[in-house]
Amino acid sequence: MRQIIIYPGKDGYWVAECPTLTGCISQGKTKQEAIVNIKEAIDLYIEVLQEKGLLVR
């Protein structure tokens, strides 16, 4: 499980980021959409790290 931070963006969308995965940021029109999107982004981020043989922390 990873911590995420959700906050309103300047463009009216909600921004979600995972501070333990540098640069893993997503957004959505609603908070719930932002949560769904960041979960997908986290999964893909970790998948890429594993494909490259890098340590997943």
N, C-alpha and C. Protein backbone atom coordinates (compact mmCIF):
# COMPACT_ATOMS: atom_id res chain seq x y z
N MET A 1 0.85 -1.17 0.00
CA MET A 1 0.00 0.00 0.00
C MET A 1 0.90 1.24 0.00
N ARG A 2 0.54 2.21 -0.77
CA ARG A 2 1.31 3.45 -0.88
C ARG A 2 0.46 4.64 -0.49
N GLN A 3 1.11 5.61 0.10
CA GLN A 3 0.43 6.86 0.45
C GLN A 3 0.26 7.70 -0.81
N ILE A 4 -0.90 8.32 -0.93
CA ILE A 4 -1.10 9.27 -2.02
C ILE A 4 -1.56 10.60 -1.42
N ILE A 5 -1.28 11.65 -2.16
CA ILE A 5 -1.71 12.99 -1.76
C ILE A 5 -2.63 13.49 -2.86
N ILE A 6 -3.78 14.02 -2.44
CA ILE A 6 -4.76 14.54 -3.40
C ILE A 6 -5.02 16.00 -3.07
N TYR A 7 -4.99 16.83 -4.11
CA TYR A 7 -5.25 18.26 -3.90
C TYR A 7 -5.84 18.86 -5.17
N PRO A 8 -6.57 19.97 -5.02
CA PRO A 8 -7.17 20.60 -6.20
C PRO A 8 -6.10 21.26 -7.07
N GLY A 9 -6.19 21.02 -8.36
CA GLY A 9 -5.26 21.64 -9.31
C GLY A 9 -5.77 23.00 -9.74
N LYS A 10 -4.93 23.72 -10.43
CA LYS A 10 -5.29 25.07 -10.87
C LYS A 10 -6.33 25.07 -11.98
N ASP A 11 -6.46 23.94 -12.69
CA ASP A 11 -7.36 23.88 -13.83
C ASP A 11 -8.73 23.28 -13.50
N GLY A 12 -9.02 23.11 -12.21
CA GLY A 12 -10.31 22.56 -11.80
C GLY A 12 -10.31 21.05 -11.63
N TYR A 13 -9.24 20.40 -12.02
CA TYR A 13 -9.11 18.97 -11.84
C TYR A 13 -8.50 18.68 -10.47
N TRP A 14 -8.60 17.44 -10.03
CA TRP A 14 -7.94 16.99 -8.81
C TRP A 14 -6.64 16.32 -9.18
N VAL A 15 -5.59 16.64 -8.46
CA VAL A 15 -4.27 16.08 -8.70
C VAL A 15 -3.99 15.04 -7.62
N ALA A 16 -3.43 13.91 -8.03
CA ALA A 16 -3.05 12.86 -7.09
C ALA A 16 -1.60 12.48 -7.37
N GLU A 17 -0.83 12.36 -6.31
CA GLU A 17 0.56 11.95 -6.50
C GLU A 17 0.98 10.98 -5.41
N CYS A 18 1.98 10.19 -5.74
CA CYS A 18 2.54 9.22 -4.81
C CYS A 18 3.95 9.69 -4.47
N PRO A 19 4.15 10.26 -3.28
CA PRO A 19 5.44 10.85 -2.94
C PRO A 19 6.61 9.86 -2.90
N THR A 20 6.33 8.57 -2.68
CA THR A 20 7.42 7.59 -2.62
C THR A 20 7.87 7.13 -4.00
N LEU A 21 7.13 7.52 -5.04
CA LEU A 21 7.51 7.19 -6.42
C LEU A 21 7.69 8.51 -7.18
N THR A 22 8.91 8.97 -7.24
CA THR A 22 9.23 10.26 -7.82
C THR A 22 8.60 10.43 -9.21
N GLY A 23 7.82 11.48 -9.36
CA GLY A 23 7.21 11.80 -10.65
C GLY A 23 5.94 11.04 -10.96
N CYS A 24 5.45 10.24 -10.02
CA CYS A 24 4.22 9.48 -10.24
C CYS A 24 3.03 10.36 -9.85
N ILE A 25 2.46 11.00 -10.86
CA ILE A 25 1.39 11.98 -10.65
C ILE A 25 0.28 11.70 -11.67
N SER A 26 -0.94 11.89 -11.25
CA SER A 26 -2.08 11.76 -12.16
C SER A 26 -3.12 12.80 -11.76
N GLN A 27 -4.25 12.79 -12.46
CA GLN A 27 -5.32 13.73 -12.14
C GLN A 27 -6.66 13.15 -12.56
N GLY A 28 -7.73 13.82 -12.16
CA GLY A 28 -9.07 13.42 -12.54
C GLY A 28 -10.04 14.57 -12.35
N LYS A 29 -11.19 14.46 -12.99
CA LYS A 29 -12.21 15.51 -12.85
C LYS A 29 -12.81 15.52 -11.46
N THR A 30 -12.80 14.36 -10.80
CA THR A 30 -13.30 14.23 -9.43
C THR A 30 -12.21 13.60 -8.57
N LYS A 31 -12.38 13.67 -7.25
CA LYS A 31 -11.41 13.02 -6.36
C LYS A 31 -11.36 11.52 -6.64
N GLN A 32 -12.53 10.91 -6.81
CA GLN A 32 -12.58 9.47 -7.05
C GLN A 32 -11.87 9.10 -8.35
N GLU A 33 -12.06 9.88 -9.38
CA GLU A 33 -11.38 9.61 -10.66
C GLU A 33 -9.87 9.76 -10.49
N ALA A 34 -9.44 10.74 -9.73
CA ALA A 34 -8.01 10.94 -9.48
C ALA A 34 -7.44 9.74 -8.73
N ILE A 35 -8.19 9.18 -7.79
CA ILE A 35 -7.72 8.01 -7.05
C ILE A 35 -7.59 6.80 -7.96
N VAL A 36 -8.58 6.58 -8.79
CA VAL A 36 -8.52 5.46 -9.74
C VAL A 36 -7.31 5.63 -10.67
N ASN A 37 -7.11 6.84 -11.16
CA ASN A 37 -6.02 7.11 -12.09
C ASN A 37 -4.65 6.95 -11.44
N ILE A 38 -4.49 7.39 -10.20
CA ILE A 38 -3.18 7.27 -9.54
C ILE A 38 -2.89 5.81 -9.22
N LYS A 39 -3.90 5.04 -8.87
CA LYS A 39 -3.68 3.61 -8.64
C LYS A 39 -3.15 2.93 -9.89
N GLU A 40 -3.72 3.27 -11.03
CA GLU A 40 -3.25 2.73 -12.31
C GLU A 40 -1.82 3.21 -12.60
N ALA A 41 -1.55 4.48 -12.34
CA ALA A 41 -0.22 5.03 -12.58
C ALA A 41 0.82 4.34 -11.68
N ILE A 42 0.46 4.08 -10.43
CA ILE A 42 1.38 3.39 -9.52
C ILE A 42 1.68 1.98 -10.03
N ASP A 43 0.65 1.26 -10.45
CA ASP A 43 0.86 -0.09 -10.98
C ASP A 43 1.80 -0.08 -12.18
N LEU A 44 1.57 0.84 -13.10
CA LEU A 44 2.41 0.93 -14.30
C LEU A 44 3.83 1.36 -13.96
N TYR A 45 3.98 2.28 -13.04
CA TYR A 45 5.29 2.75 -12.60
C TYR A 45 6.11 1.58 -12.05
N ILE A 46 5.49 0.79 -11.17
CA ILE A 46 6.17 -0.35 -10.57
C ILE A 46 6.48 -1.40 -11.62
N GLU A 47 5.57 -1.62 -12.54
CA GLU A 47 5.80 -2.58 -13.63
C GLU A 47 7.04 -2.21 -14.44
N VAL A 48 7.18 -0.94 -14.76
CA VAL A 48 8.34 -0.47 -15.52
C VAL A 48 9.63 -0.65 -14.73
N LEU A 49 9.60 -0.33 -13.42
CA LEU A 49 10.78 -0.54 -12.59
C LEU A 49 11.20 -2.01 -12.61
N GLN A 50 10.24 -2.91 -12.49
CA GLN A 50 10.52 -4.34 -12.48
C GLN A 50 11.07 -4.80 -13.82
N GLU A 51 10.51 -4.29 -14.91
CA GLU A 51 10.99 -4.65 -16.25
C GLU A 51 12.44 -4.23 -16.45
N LYS A 52 12.81 -3.11 -15.84
CA LYS A 52 14.18 -2.60 -15.96
C LYS A 52 15.12 -3.22 -14.94
N GLY A 53 14.58 -4.09 -14.09
CA GLY A 53 15.39 -4.75 -13.08
C GLY A 53 15.79 -3.84 -11.93
N LEU A 54 15.03 -2.77 -11.74
CA LEU A 54 15.33 -1.82 -10.67
C LEU A 54 14.59 -2.18 -9.40
N LEU A 55 15.12 -1.75 -8.29
CA LEU A 55 14.54 -2.03 -6.99
C LEU A 55 13.24 -1.26 -6.80
N VAL A 56 12.23 -1.96 -6.35
CA VAL A 56 10.95 -1.33 -6.03
C VAL A 56 10.90 -1.15 -4.52
N ARG A 57 10.82 0.07 -4.08
CA ARG A 57 10.81 0.36 -2.63
C ARG A 57 9.44 0.69 -2.15
